[in-house]
Every structure is written in C-alpha cells, then in structure tokens.
N, C-alpha and C. Protein backbone atom coordinates (compact mmCIF):
# COMPACT_ATOMS: atom_id res chain seq x y z
N UNK A 1 115.65 110.25 130.19
CA UNK A 1 114.72 111.12 129.52
C UNK A 1 115.48 112.35 129.02
N UNK A 2 115.27 112.75 127.79
CA UNK A 2 115.96 113.92 127.25
C UNK A 2 115.27 115.19 127.71
N UNK A 3 115.96 116.31 127.52
CA UNK A 3 115.38 117.60 127.91
C UNK A 3 114.12 117.89 127.11
N UNK A 4 114.10 117.49 125.86
CA UNK A 4 112.93 117.74 125.02
C UNK A 4 111.74 116.93 125.51
N UNK A 5 111.94 115.63 125.78
CA UNK A 5 110.81 114.81 126.21
C UNK A 5 110.36 115.18 127.61
N UNK A 6 111.29 115.58 128.48
CA UNK A 6 110.92 115.99 129.83
C UNK A 6 110.08 117.26 129.78
N UNK A 7 110.43 118.17 128.89
CA UNK A 7 109.67 119.41 128.78
C UNK A 7 108.30 119.17 128.16
N UNK A 8 108.20 118.21 127.27
CA UNK A 8 106.93 117.94 126.59
C UNK A 8 105.94 117.23 127.50
N UNK A 9 106.43 116.46 128.45
CA UNK A 9 105.55 115.67 129.30
C UNK A 9 104.58 116.52 130.12
N UNK A 10 105.04 117.57 130.84
CA UNK A 10 104.08 118.37 131.61
C UNK A 10 103.03 119.04 130.73
N UNK A 11 103.44 119.53 129.57
CA UNK A 11 102.48 120.17 128.68
C UNK A 11 101.45 119.17 128.19
N UNK A 12 101.92 117.99 127.83
CA UNK A 12 101.01 116.95 127.36
C UNK A 12 100.07 116.55 128.49
N UNK A 13 100.61 116.44 129.69
CA UNK A 13 99.81 116.07 130.85
C UNK A 13 98.76 117.13 131.15
N UNK A 14 99.17 118.40 131.10
CA UNK A 14 98.22 119.49 131.35
C UNK A 14 97.14 119.51 130.27
N UNK A 15 97.55 119.27 129.03
CA UNK A 15 96.58 119.20 127.94
C UNK A 15 95.62 118.04 128.13
N UNK A 16 96.13 116.93 128.62
CA UNK A 16 95.28 115.76 128.86
C UNK A 16 94.27 116.05 129.95
N UNK A 17 94.71 116.72 131.03
CA UNK A 17 93.79 117.07 132.12
C UNK A 17 92.71 118.00 131.60
N UNK A 18 93.10 119.00 130.82
CA UNK A 18 92.12 119.93 130.26
C UNK A 18 91.15 119.20 129.35
N UNK A 19 91.66 118.30 128.53
CA UNK A 19 90.79 117.52 127.64
C UNK A 19 89.83 116.65 128.43
N UNK A 20 90.33 116.02 129.49
CA UNK A 20 89.46 115.18 130.31
C UNK A 20 88.36 116.00 130.96
N UNK A 21 88.67 117.21 131.39
CA UNK A 21 87.65 118.09 131.97
C UNK A 21 86.58 118.43 130.93
N UNK A 22 87.00 118.73 129.72
CA UNK A 22 86.04 119.03 128.65
C UNK A 22 85.19 117.81 128.35
N UNK A 23 85.82 116.65 128.25
CA UNK A 23 85.08 115.41 127.97
C UNK A 23 84.05 115.15 129.05
N UNK A 24 84.45 115.27 130.31
CA UNK A 24 83.52 115.02 131.42
C UNK A 24 82.35 116.01 131.36
N UNK A 25 82.65 117.28 131.18
CA UNK A 25 81.60 118.30 131.12
C UNK A 25 80.65 118.03 129.95
N UNK A 26 81.19 117.72 128.79
CA UNK A 26 80.36 117.52 127.60
C UNK A 26 79.55 116.23 127.68
N UNK A 27 80.11 115.18 128.26
CA UNK A 27 79.33 113.94 128.44
C UNK A 27 78.18 114.16 129.42
N UNK A 28 78.43 114.96 130.45
CA UNK A 28 77.36 115.29 131.40
C UNK A 28 76.26 116.07 130.71
N UNK A 29 76.63 117.04 129.90
CA UNK A 29 75.64 117.81 129.14
C UNK A 29 74.89 116.91 128.16
N UNK A 30 75.62 116.00 127.53
CA UNK A 30 74.99 115.05 126.60
C UNK A 30 73.95 114.19 127.32
N UNK A 31 74.30 113.69 128.50
CA UNK A 31 73.37 112.84 129.26
C UNK A 31 72.13 113.63 129.67
N UNK A 32 72.32 114.87 130.12
CA UNK A 32 71.17 115.71 130.48
C UNK A 32 70.27 115.94 129.28
N UNK A 33 70.88 116.26 128.16
CA UNK A 33 70.12 116.52 126.94
C UNK A 33 69.41 115.24 126.46
N UNK A 34 70.06 114.11 126.59
CA UNK A 34 69.45 112.84 126.18
C UNK A 34 68.21 112.54 127.00
N UNK A 35 68.28 112.77 128.32
CA UNK A 35 67.11 112.54 129.17
C UNK A 35 65.97 113.48 128.80
N UNK A 36 66.29 114.75 128.60
CA UNK A 36 65.26 115.73 128.25
C UNK A 36 64.65 115.42 126.88
N UNK A 37 65.50 115.08 125.93
CA UNK A 37 65.02 114.75 124.59
C UNK A 37 64.16 113.50 124.61
N UNK A 38 64.58 112.51 125.37
CA UNK A 38 63.81 111.26 125.47
C UNK A 38 62.43 111.54 126.03
N UNK A 39 62.34 112.40 127.03
CA UNK A 39 61.05 112.71 127.64
C UNK A 39 60.13 113.41 126.65
N UNK A 40 60.69 114.25 125.77
CA UNK A 40 59.87 114.93 124.76
C UNK A 40 59.48 114.00 123.62
N UNK A 41 60.41 113.17 123.18
CA UNK A 41 60.17 112.34 121.99
C UNK A 41 59.27 111.15 122.25
N UNK A 42 59.40 110.56 123.41
CA UNK A 42 58.55 109.42 123.72
C UNK A 42 58.16 109.50 125.19
N UNK A 43 57.17 110.36 125.49
CA UNK A 43 56.79 110.58 126.89
C UNK A 43 56.26 109.33 127.58
N UNK A 44 55.80 108.36 126.81
CA UNK A 44 55.30 107.13 127.42
C UNK A 44 56.43 106.22 127.87
N UNK A 45 57.66 106.51 127.43
CA UNK A 45 58.82 105.69 127.79
C UNK A 45 59.91 106.55 128.41
N UNK A 46 60.37 106.17 129.58
CA UNK A 46 61.54 106.83 130.15
C UNK A 46 62.76 106.41 129.35
N UNK A 47 63.86 107.11 129.54
CA UNK A 47 65.09 106.73 128.85
C UNK A 47 65.51 105.31 129.24
N UNK A 48 65.31 104.97 130.51
CA UNK A 48 65.64 103.61 130.98
C UNK A 48 64.73 102.59 130.30
N UNK A 49 63.44 102.88 130.23
CA UNK A 49 62.50 101.96 129.59
C UNK A 49 62.85 101.77 128.12
N UNK A 50 63.13 102.87 127.43
CA UNK A 50 63.52 102.80 126.02
C UNK A 50 64.75 101.92 125.86
N UNK A 51 65.73 102.12 126.73
CA UNK A 51 66.98 101.35 126.66
C UNK A 51 66.72 99.86 126.87
N UNK A 52 65.88 99.53 127.83
CA UNK A 52 65.55 98.13 128.09
C UNK A 52 64.84 97.52 126.88
N UNK A 53 63.85 98.22 126.35
CA UNK A 53 63.12 97.70 125.20
C UNK A 53 64.04 97.54 123.99
N UNK A 54 64.93 98.49 123.77
CA UNK A 54 65.86 98.39 122.65
C UNK A 54 66.79 97.19 122.82
N UNK A 55 67.21 96.94 124.05
CA UNK A 55 68.07 95.78 124.32
C UNK A 55 67.31 94.47 124.07
N UNK A 56 66.06 94.42 124.50
CA UNK A 56 65.26 93.22 124.26
C UNK A 56 65.09 92.97 122.77
N UNK A 57 64.88 94.04 122.02
CA UNK A 57 64.74 93.89 120.57
C UNK A 57 66.05 93.38 119.96
N UNK A 58 67.14 94.00 120.35
CA UNK A 58 68.45 93.63 119.81
C UNK A 58 68.80 92.18 120.12
N UNK A 59 68.50 91.74 121.34
CA UNK A 59 68.83 90.38 121.77
C UNK A 59 67.74 89.37 121.43
N UNK A 60 66.63 89.85 120.93
CA UNK A 60 65.46 89.00 120.65
C UNK A 60 65.01 88.27 121.91
N UNK A 61 65.00 89.06 123.00
CA UNK A 61 64.57 88.54 124.30
C UNK A 61 65.75 88.19 125.18
N UNK A 62 65.55 88.31 126.48
CA UNK A 62 66.58 87.92 127.44
C UNK A 62 65.94 87.83 128.83
N UNK A 63 66.70 87.32 129.78
CA UNK A 63 66.23 87.23 131.16
C UNK A 63 66.48 88.56 131.87
N UNK A 64 65.73 88.80 132.93
CA UNK A 64 65.93 90.01 133.73
C UNK A 64 67.34 90.04 134.30
N UNK A 65 67.86 88.88 134.69
CA UNK A 65 69.22 88.84 135.23
C UNK A 65 70.25 89.24 134.17
N UNK A 66 69.96 88.92 132.90
CA UNK A 66 70.86 89.34 131.81
C UNK A 66 70.86 90.86 131.67
N UNK A 67 69.68 91.47 131.81
CA UNK A 67 69.59 92.94 131.77
C UNK A 67 70.42 93.56 132.89
N UNK A 68 70.26 93.02 134.09
CA UNK A 68 70.99 93.54 135.25
C UNK A 68 72.49 93.44 135.02
N UNK A 69 72.94 92.31 134.51
CA UNK A 69 74.37 92.12 134.26
C UNK A 69 74.87 93.06 133.15
N UNK A 70 74.09 93.18 132.10
CA UNK A 70 74.50 94.01 130.96
C UNK A 70 74.63 95.48 131.36
N UNK A 71 73.67 95.98 132.13
CA UNK A 71 73.67 97.39 132.50
C UNK A 71 74.29 97.66 133.86
N UNK A 72 74.87 96.62 134.47
CA UNK A 72 75.51 96.74 135.78
C UNK A 72 74.56 97.35 136.81
N UNK A 73 73.34 96.81 136.84
CA UNK A 73 72.31 97.29 137.76
C UNK A 73 71.97 96.21 138.77
N UNK A 74 71.44 96.64 139.89
CA UNK A 74 70.95 95.71 140.89
C UNK A 74 69.71 95.00 140.34
N UNK A 75 69.56 93.73 140.67
CA UNK A 75 68.42 92.95 140.17
C UNK A 75 67.09 93.57 140.58
N UNK A 76 67.02 94.15 141.77
CA UNK A 76 65.76 94.74 142.22
C UNK A 76 65.38 95.96 141.38
N UNK A 77 66.38 96.72 140.94
CA UNK A 77 66.12 97.87 140.07
C UNK A 77 65.54 97.41 138.75
N UNK A 78 66.16 96.40 138.17
CA UNK A 78 65.67 95.85 136.90
C UNK A 78 64.29 95.25 137.09
N UNK A 79 64.08 94.57 138.19
CA UNK A 79 62.79 93.95 138.47
C UNK A 79 61.67 94.99 138.50
N UNK A 80 61.91 96.13 139.13
CA UNK A 80 60.90 97.20 139.18
C UNK A 80 60.61 97.74 137.79
N UNK A 81 61.67 97.98 137.01
CA UNK A 81 61.49 98.49 135.65
C UNK A 81 60.72 97.50 134.78
N UNK A 82 61.12 96.23 134.87
CA UNK A 82 60.47 95.18 134.08
C UNK A 82 59.00 95.04 134.48
N UNK A 83 58.72 95.08 135.77
CA UNK A 83 57.33 94.96 136.24
C UNK A 83 56.48 96.09 135.68
N UNK A 84 57.00 97.31 135.68
CA UNK A 84 56.25 98.45 135.15
C UNK A 84 56.04 98.30 133.65
N UNK A 85 57.06 97.89 132.91
CA UNK A 85 56.93 97.71 131.47
C UNK A 85 55.96 96.58 131.13
N UNK A 86 55.97 95.55 131.93
CA UNK A 86 55.03 94.44 131.72
C UNK A 86 53.61 94.89 132.04
N UNK A 87 53.44 95.58 133.16
CA UNK A 87 52.12 96.08 133.56
C UNK A 87 51.53 97.00 132.49
N UNK A 88 52.38 97.83 131.88
CA UNK A 88 51.92 98.79 130.88
C UNK A 88 51.83 98.20 129.47
N UNK A 89 52.12 96.90 129.34
CA UNK A 89 51.94 96.22 128.07
C UNK A 89 53.07 96.37 127.07
N UNK A 90 54.25 96.80 127.52
CA UNK A 90 55.38 96.97 126.60
C UNK A 90 56.20 95.70 126.42
N UNK A 91 56.19 94.84 127.42
CA UNK A 91 56.92 93.58 127.31
C UNK A 91 56.11 92.46 127.94
N UNK A 92 56.53 91.26 127.62
CA UNK A 92 55.85 90.08 128.16
C UNK A 92 56.89 89.03 128.52
N UNK A 93 56.50 88.16 129.42
CA UNK A 93 57.37 87.05 129.83
C UNK A 93 56.92 85.79 129.09
N UNK A 94 57.90 85.03 128.65
CA UNK A 94 57.62 83.74 128.02
C UNK A 94 58.54 82.70 128.67
N UNK A 95 58.03 81.50 128.77
CA UNK A 95 58.83 80.42 129.31
C UNK A 95 59.89 80.02 128.28
N UNK A 96 61.11 79.87 128.74
CA UNK A 96 62.20 79.44 127.88
C UNK A 96 61.92 78.01 127.43
N UNK A 97 61.88 77.76 126.12
CA UNK A 97 61.56 76.40 125.64
C UNK A 97 62.60 75.35 126.03
N UNK A 98 63.84 75.78 126.31
CA UNK A 98 64.88 74.82 126.67
C UNK A 98 64.98 74.60 128.17
N UNK A 99 64.42 75.52 128.96
CA UNK A 99 64.43 75.39 130.42
C UNK A 99 63.16 76.04 130.96
N UNK A 100 62.18 75.22 131.25
CA UNK A 100 60.86 75.72 131.64
C UNK A 100 60.85 76.47 132.97
N UNK A 101 61.95 76.46 133.68
CA UNK A 101 62.04 77.23 134.93
C UNK A 101 62.37 78.69 134.67
N UNK A 102 62.85 79.00 133.47
CA UNK A 102 63.36 80.34 133.15
C UNK A 102 62.30 81.14 132.39
N UNK A 103 62.14 82.40 132.80
CA UNK A 103 61.26 83.33 132.11
C UNK A 103 62.11 84.26 131.25
N UNK A 104 61.76 84.36 129.98
CA UNK A 104 62.49 85.23 129.05
C UNK A 104 61.59 86.42 128.72
N UNK A 105 62.16 87.60 128.77
CA UNK A 105 61.44 88.83 128.48
C UNK A 105 61.49 89.10 126.98
N UNK A 106 60.33 89.44 126.42
CA UNK A 106 60.23 89.77 125.00
C UNK A 106 59.38 91.02 124.84
N UNK A 107 59.55 91.71 123.73
CA UNK A 107 58.70 92.85 123.45
C UNK A 107 57.28 92.37 123.19
N UNK A 108 56.32 93.07 123.77
CA UNK A 108 54.91 92.85 123.45
C UNK A 108 54.60 93.73 122.24
N UNK A 109 53.48 93.51 121.56
CA UNK A 109 53.16 94.34 120.39
C UNK A 109 53.23 95.85 120.68
N UNK A 110 52.76 96.28 121.84
CA UNK A 110 52.83 97.71 122.17
C UNK A 110 54.29 98.16 122.29
N UNK A 111 55.14 97.31 122.82
CA UNK A 111 56.56 97.64 122.92
C UNK A 111 57.21 97.78 121.56
N UNK A 112 56.87 96.88 120.65
CA UNK A 112 57.41 96.93 119.28
C UNK A 112 57.01 98.24 118.62
N UNK A 113 55.73 98.59 118.72
CA UNK A 113 55.21 99.81 118.10
C UNK A 113 55.83 101.06 118.71
N UNK A 114 55.88 101.12 120.03
CA UNK A 114 56.43 102.30 120.71
C UNK A 114 57.91 102.47 120.41
N UNK A 115 58.62 101.37 120.42
CA UNK A 115 60.06 101.42 120.14
C UNK A 115 60.31 101.89 118.71
N UNK A 116 59.55 101.38 117.76
CA UNK A 116 59.72 101.79 116.36
C UNK A 116 59.43 103.28 116.18
N UNK A 117 58.35 103.76 116.79
CA UNK A 117 57.99 105.17 116.69
C UNK A 117 59.05 106.05 117.35
N UNK A 118 59.53 105.63 118.51
CA UNK A 118 60.55 106.40 119.22
C UNK A 118 61.85 106.42 118.41
N UNK A 119 62.19 105.31 117.80
CA UNK A 119 63.42 105.23 117.00
C UNK A 119 63.36 106.21 115.83
N UNK A 120 62.21 106.29 115.16
CA UNK A 120 62.06 107.23 114.04
C UNK A 120 62.25 108.66 114.53
N UNK A 121 61.61 109.01 115.65
CA UNK A 121 61.74 110.37 116.19
C UNK A 121 63.19 110.66 116.60
N UNK A 122 63.86 109.69 117.19
CA UNK A 122 65.25 109.89 117.60
C UNK A 122 66.14 110.11 116.38
N UNK A 123 65.94 109.30 115.34
CA UNK A 123 66.75 109.44 114.13
C UNK A 123 66.53 110.79 113.48
N UNK A 124 65.28 111.25 113.45
CA UNK A 124 64.98 112.56 112.87
C UNK A 124 65.69 113.67 113.66
N UNK A 125 65.66 113.55 114.98
CA UNK A 125 66.31 114.54 115.83
C UNK A 125 67.81 114.57 115.58
N UNK A 126 68.44 113.40 115.51
CA UNK A 126 69.88 113.37 115.26
C UNK A 126 70.21 113.88 113.86
N UNK A 127 69.39 113.56 112.89
CA UNK A 127 69.63 114.08 111.52
C UNK A 127 69.61 115.60 111.52
N UNK A 128 68.64 116.19 112.24
CA UNK A 128 68.56 117.65 112.32
C UNK A 128 69.79 118.23 113.01
N UNK A 129 70.16 117.65 114.14
CA UNK A 129 71.29 118.17 114.92
C UNK A 129 72.61 118.06 114.17
N UNK A 130 72.75 117.03 113.37
CA UNK A 130 74.03 116.75 112.72
C UNK A 130 74.02 117.07 111.22
N UNK A 131 72.99 117.76 110.76
CA UNK A 131 72.83 118.03 109.33
C UNK A 131 74.01 118.79 108.74
N UNK A 132 74.61 119.68 109.51
CA UNK A 132 75.71 120.50 108.99
C UNK A 132 77.07 119.80 109.08
N UNK A 133 77.10 118.62 109.68
CA UNK A 133 78.38 117.93 109.85
C UNK A 133 78.80 117.27 108.54
N UNK A 134 80.08 117.31 108.29
CA UNK A 134 80.67 116.62 107.16
C UNK A 134 80.56 115.11 107.39
N UNK A 135 80.27 114.32 106.35
CA UNK A 135 80.16 112.87 106.52
C UNK A 135 81.40 112.24 107.17
N UNK A 136 82.58 112.74 106.85
CA UNK A 136 83.80 112.19 107.46
C UNK A 136 83.83 112.47 108.96
N UNK A 137 83.36 113.65 109.37
CA UNK A 137 83.27 113.98 110.80
C UNK A 137 82.28 113.07 111.50
N UNK A 138 81.15 112.81 110.85
CA UNK A 138 80.15 111.90 111.43
C UNK A 138 80.74 110.51 111.63
N UNK A 139 81.47 110.05 110.64
CA UNK A 139 82.07 108.72 110.73
C UNK A 139 83.10 108.66 111.86
N UNK A 140 83.93 109.68 111.97
CA UNK A 140 84.91 109.73 113.06
C UNK A 140 84.21 109.79 114.42
N UNK A 141 83.20 110.64 114.53
CA UNK A 141 82.47 110.78 115.79
C UNK A 141 81.85 109.44 116.18
N UNK A 142 81.22 108.77 115.23
CA UNK A 142 80.63 107.45 115.50
C UNK A 142 81.71 106.48 115.97
N UNK A 143 82.84 106.49 115.32
CA UNK A 143 83.94 105.61 115.71
C UNK A 143 84.45 105.91 117.11
N UNK A 144 84.56 107.20 117.44
CA UNK A 144 85.01 107.58 118.79
C UNK A 144 84.01 107.14 119.85
N UNK A 145 82.72 107.28 119.56
CA UNK A 145 81.71 106.84 120.53
C UNK A 145 81.77 105.34 120.74
N UNK A 146 81.91 104.58 119.66
CA UNK A 146 82.03 103.13 119.78
C UNK A 146 83.27 102.78 120.60
N UNK A 147 84.37 103.40 120.27
CA UNK A 147 85.62 103.13 121.00
C UNK A 147 85.48 103.47 122.48
N UNK A 148 84.91 104.62 122.78
CA UNK A 148 84.73 105.02 124.18
C UNK A 148 83.87 104.00 124.92
N UNK A 149 82.74 103.61 124.33
CA UNK A 149 81.85 102.66 125.00
C UNK A 149 82.46 101.28 125.14
N UNK A 150 83.24 100.85 124.17
CA UNK A 150 83.93 99.56 124.30
C UNK A 150 84.95 99.60 125.42
N UNK A 151 85.71 100.70 125.48
CA UNK A 151 86.70 100.85 126.56
C UNK A 151 86.01 100.94 127.92
N UNK A 152 84.91 101.68 127.98
CA UNK A 152 84.17 101.82 129.24
C UNK A 152 83.62 100.47 129.69
N UNK A 153 83.15 99.67 128.75
CA UNK A 153 82.62 98.34 129.10
C UNK A 153 83.74 97.42 129.59
N UNK A 154 84.92 97.59 129.04
CA UNK A 154 86.05 96.74 129.44
C UNK A 154 86.62 97.15 130.80
N UNK A 155 86.36 98.38 131.22
CA UNK A 155 86.88 98.90 132.50
C UNK A 155 85.76 99.56 133.29
N UNK A 156 84.78 98.78 133.77
CA UNK A 156 83.62 99.39 134.45
C UNK A 156 83.94 100.10 135.72
C-alpha cells in the first residue's frame, strides 16, 4: 500500500461511517413519517394493510404463505393481518383453480377502491413534497431507492 492510499483509507472509512449514520437516521425519520402520513391519508388502512393490499394487486392474488415469505414475517402475523382485512371486506379468499386445497387471497371490491383512493392521495403528497426537485434528481433518487431495496432484499 502506498503512503497516499494508506492516508486516504482512514478518511474514506470515517466518511463512510458518517454517511452510514446519516443514512440510518434519515431512513428512521422516513419510516416514522411514512407511518404518520399513512395514518392521515388512509385512516381505514394501516401501513401494513396498505402494503399487503398493494402486493395482492401487484401479484394479482397470492397465498398468505407467499406474503409471509415476501415480507419476511411470521405466518401467524400475516394470518392476523389477513383475517382483519378479510373481516373488514378489503380482501377475499378464492380457491386456487389448479389446486383446490389452496386458498388464494385477492382484493375485494372495497380493497380495490380503498387502494386506488389511497394511491391517489399518496401520489399527491409525494408530488407536493418533491415539487421543487429537479427531474434528474428525482430520477437519481428513484434509482438509489431501487438499488437500496434490491440490495437489502439480497442480504436480509
């Protein structure tokens, strides 16, 4: 290792630690704000419920075990959430046509309507918050979020 690279390593390392601290702090603030915003925008749906319904829409239905695996949750946790969403009319169970032993979760009409309304409110909120951002910054930010989530999924 040369004198130049040896000297640069501690500074880079210290900068990395400082950056990681900022990232952790800001992601924590983001999560807190997301929960609070979700409660205001769609009080009938918790952030977890919204996430489950959005996943069901994206996948066009799935099993409860698929939800548990996707979100790295215990099956009993998903079961409680699904039971509440089903009881409140947001989702419904249908028998899988290829395997009659399997129940597939799908959005019920109320779930479709609530999800669509919540999505519009969320998009409006993000448009307001990011209105002053340059389009290139928005594109980079979106790319960084995708990259972070892909890396996080690959290393749970």
